[in-house]
Amino acid sequence: MKRAANEAPIMPARPMTRDDVTARIVSIKIQKGLKWADISKKVGESKEWVTAACLGQMTLTKQQADTLGKLLGLTKEEITLLQVVPYKGSLPTAVPTDPLIYRWYEIVSVYGTTIKELIHEEFGDGIMSAIDFSMDITREPDPKGDRVKVVLSGKFLPYKTY
């Protein structure tokens, strides 16, 4: 069928993005009443890693993506996008405005130099990897109010001379 000369061209639909898949995952999780721990058990990795992957910060293997897709009823296109290396870094602003995320920013602002100094004193000049890394978040019961316990463990990577 031909278009009339004065008709606007038909524009293709916007391609699906990894952000679209993330939004769908979060929506389905809420609709199904799932917890990240439930999802991670099915995927077979830690709740911290699977949550980061579902929020668009990690690349899933084909098997992990297929498992997640089956659990959440994702399309083939969505499952494929889960296997693409994402653009990492998900904060919408340079200084976080969400109160919980801002507290982490505050921790780094106040204690960052202390952490840096103590790591350098113990290990030398280098960094803690966020690639060869693990994290564990647990609830610590306390009569004065439960506490959040976060354990970060990253491989030390020394700077090399050349």
Protein backbone atom coordinates (compact mmCIF):
# COMPACT_ATOMS: atom_id res chain seq x y z
CA MET A 1 0.00 0.00 0.00
CA LYS A 2 1.42 3.39 -1.05
CA ARG A 3 1.41 6.47 1.12
CA ALA A 4 -0.02 9.71 -0.17
CA ALA A 5 2.67 12.35 -0.76
CA ASN A 6 1.41 14.50 2.13
CA GLU A 7 1.32 11.67 4.69
CA ALA A 8 4.04 11.46 7.33
CA PRO A 9 6.33 8.46 6.98
CA ILE A 10 5.50 5.51 9.19
CA MET A 11 8.08 5.44 11.95
CA PRO A 12 9.18 2.09 13.33
CA ALA A 13 8.45 1.42 16.99
CA ARG A 14 11.27 2.38 19.35
CA PRO A 15 13.55 -0.62 19.92
CA MET A 16 13.28 -2.20 23.35
CA THR A 17 16.11 -1.24 25.72
CA ARG A 18 17.63 -2.88 28.77
CA ASP A 19 15.91 -0.20 30.86
CA ASP A 20 12.56 -1.37 29.47
CA VAL A 21 13.37 -4.93 30.53
CA THR A 22 14.36 -3.73 34.01
CA ALA A 23 11.05 -1.86 34.38
CA ARG A 24 9.15 -4.98 33.29
CA ILE A 25 11.06 -7.22 35.71
CA VAL A 26 10.33 -4.89 38.64
CA SER A 27 6.66 -4.64 37.66
CA ILE A 28 6.24 -8.42 37.31
CA LYS A 29 8.09 -9.02 40.61
CA ILE A 30 5.63 -6.71 42.37
CA GLN A 31 2.58 -8.18 40.62
CA LYS A 32 3.63 -11.74 41.53
CA GLY A 33 4.57 -10.80 45.11
CA LEU A 34 8.08 -12.17 44.71
CA LYS A 35 11.15 -11.26 46.74
CA TRP A 36 14.60 -10.89 45.21
CA ALA A 37 15.69 -13.87 47.34
CA ASP A 38 12.95 -16.00 45.67
CA ILE A 39 14.15 -14.99 42.22
CA SER A 40 17.83 -15.54 43.08
CA LYS A 41 17.17 -19.08 44.31
CA LYS A 42 15.68 -19.95 40.91
CA VAL A 43 18.54 -18.27 39.02
CA GLY A 44 21.14 -19.92 41.27
CA GLU A 45 23.23 -16.94 42.33
CA SER A 46 23.31 -14.63 45.37
CA LYS A 47 20.37 -12.29 45.96
CA GLU A 48 22.76 -9.35 45.70
CA TRP A 49 24.10 -10.36 42.27
CA VAL A 50 20.72 -11.39 40.86
CA THR A 51 19.11 -8.16 42.05
CA ALA A 52 21.90 -6.16 40.38
CA ALA A 53 21.40 -8.21 37.20
CA CYS A 54 17.63 -7.72 37.24
CA LEU A 55 18.15 -3.99 37.75
CA GLY A 56 20.32 -3.88 34.63
CA GLN A 57 23.82 -3.86 36.11
CA MET A 58 25.09 -7.37 35.27
CA THR A 59 25.09 -9.69 32.26
CA LEU A 60 23.19 -12.96 32.61
CA THR A 61 24.27 -16.18 30.92
CA LYS A 62 21.82 -17.79 28.50
CA GLN A 63 20.81 -20.33 31.15
CA GLN A 64 20.31 -17.64 33.82
CA ALA A 65 18.33 -15.44 31.40
CA ASP A 66 16.18 -18.41 30.27
CA THR A 67 15.46 -19.33 33.91
CA LEU A 68 14.54 -15.74 34.79
CA GLY A 69 12.48 -15.42 31.62
CA LYS A 70 10.48 -18.56 32.40
CA LEU A 71 9.89 -17.48 36.00
CA LEU A 72 8.71 -14.00 35.00
CA GLY A 73 7.12 -14.74 31.62
CA LEU A 74 9.56 -12.59 29.65
CA THR A 75 9.63 -12.47 25.85
CA LYS A 76 12.48 -13.87 23.73
CA GLU A 77 13.62 -10.30 23.04
CA GLU A 78 13.70 -9.48 26.76
CA ILE A 79 15.61 -12.69 27.52
CA THR A 80 18.14 -11.82 24.81
CA LEU A 81 18.62 -8.29 26.19
CA LEU A 82 19.43 -9.77 29.62
CA GLN A 83 22.48 -11.39 27.98
CA VAL A 84 23.87 -8.14 26.55
CA VAL A 85 26.61 -6.36 28.50
CA PRO A 86 24.82 -3.39 30.11
CA TYR A 87 25.88 0.19 30.53
CA LYS A 88 26.73 0.09 34.24
CA GLY A 89 25.89 2.85 36.67
CA SER A 90 22.25 3.38 37.43
CA LEU A 91 22.04 6.52 39.51
CA PRO A 92 19.88 9.19 37.86
CA THR A 93 21.84 12.09 39.39
CA ALA A 94 25.48 12.73 40.38
CA VAL A 95 24.49 13.24 44.01
CA PRO A 96 21.82 10.68 44.90
CA THR A 97 18.48 12.06 46.03
CA ASP A 98 16.95 8.80 47.28
CA PRO A 99 17.46 8.86 51.09
CA LEU A 100 18.81 5.31 51.36
CA ILE A 101 21.25 5.69 48.47
CA TYR A 102 22.24 9.14 49.77
CA ARG A 103 23.32 7.55 53.06
CA TRP A 104 25.83 5.44 51.10
CA TYR A 105 27.04 8.60 49.40
CA GLU A 106 27.33 10.17 52.87
CA ILE A 107 29.28 7.15 54.17
CA VAL A 108 31.78 7.47 51.31
CA SER A 109 31.95 11.26 51.76
CA VAL A 110 32.69 10.96 55.48
CA TYR A 111 34.62 7.68 55.66
CA GLY A 112 36.02 7.37 52.12
CA THR A 113 39.39 8.86 52.99
CA THR A 114 39.58 6.64 56.10
CA ILE A 115 38.78 3.52 54.06
CA LYS A 116 41.36 4.53 51.45
CA GLU A 117 44.03 5.24 54.06
CA LEU A 118 43.49 1.97 55.92
CA ILE A 119 43.42 -0.14 52.73
CA HIS A 120 46.64 1.50 51.52
CA GLU A 121 48.29 1.03 54.91
CA GLU A 122 47.38 -2.67 54.95
CA PHE A 123 47.80 -3.56 51.26
CA GLY A 124 49.82 -0.79 49.62
CA ASP A 125 48.98 1.39 46.62
CA GLY A 126 46.03 -0.12 44.77
CA ILE A 127 42.27 -0.51 44.70
CA MET A 128 39.55 -2.89 45.82
CA SER A 129 37.98 -4.53 42.79
CA ALA A 130 34.28 -4.09 42.09
CA ILE A 131 34.62 -6.83 39.44
CA ASP A 132 36.20 -9.60 41.52
CA PHE A 133 33.77 -8.75 44.28
CA SER A 134 31.03 -10.11 46.51
CA MET A 135 28.44 -8.52 48.76
CA ASP A 136 26.19 -9.89 51.47
CA ILE A 137 23.28 -7.94 52.96
CA THR A 138 21.59 -9.35 56.05
CA ARG A 139 19.32 -8.26 58.88
CA GLU A 140 20.89 -8.19 62.32
CA PRO A 141 18.23 -8.35 65.04
CA ASP A 142 18.76 -5.79 67.77
CA PRO A 143 16.43 -4.91 70.68
CA LYS A 144 17.01 -1.20 69.97
CA GLY A 145 15.99 -1.64 66.32
CA ASP A 146 17.19 -4.09 63.70
CA ARG A 147 20.44 -3.27 61.95
CA VAL A 148 21.49 -3.58 58.33
CA LYS A 149 24.70 -5.59 57.94
CA VAL A 150 26.55 -5.14 54.65
CA VAL A 151 29.73 -7.08 53.95
CA LEU A 152 31.73 -6.07 50.88
CA SER A 153 34.63 -8.21 49.75
CA GLY A 154 36.77 -7.24 46.77
CA LYS A 155 40.08 -8.51 45.48
CA PHE A 156 42.97 -6.10 46.07
CA LEU A 157 44.51 -4.93 42.80
CA PRO A 158 47.90 -3.24 43.25
CA TYR A 159 49.03 -0.54 40.88
CA LYS A 160 51.93 -1.76 38.79
CA THR A 161 55.02 0.06 37.65
CA TYR A 162 55.98 -0.03 33.99
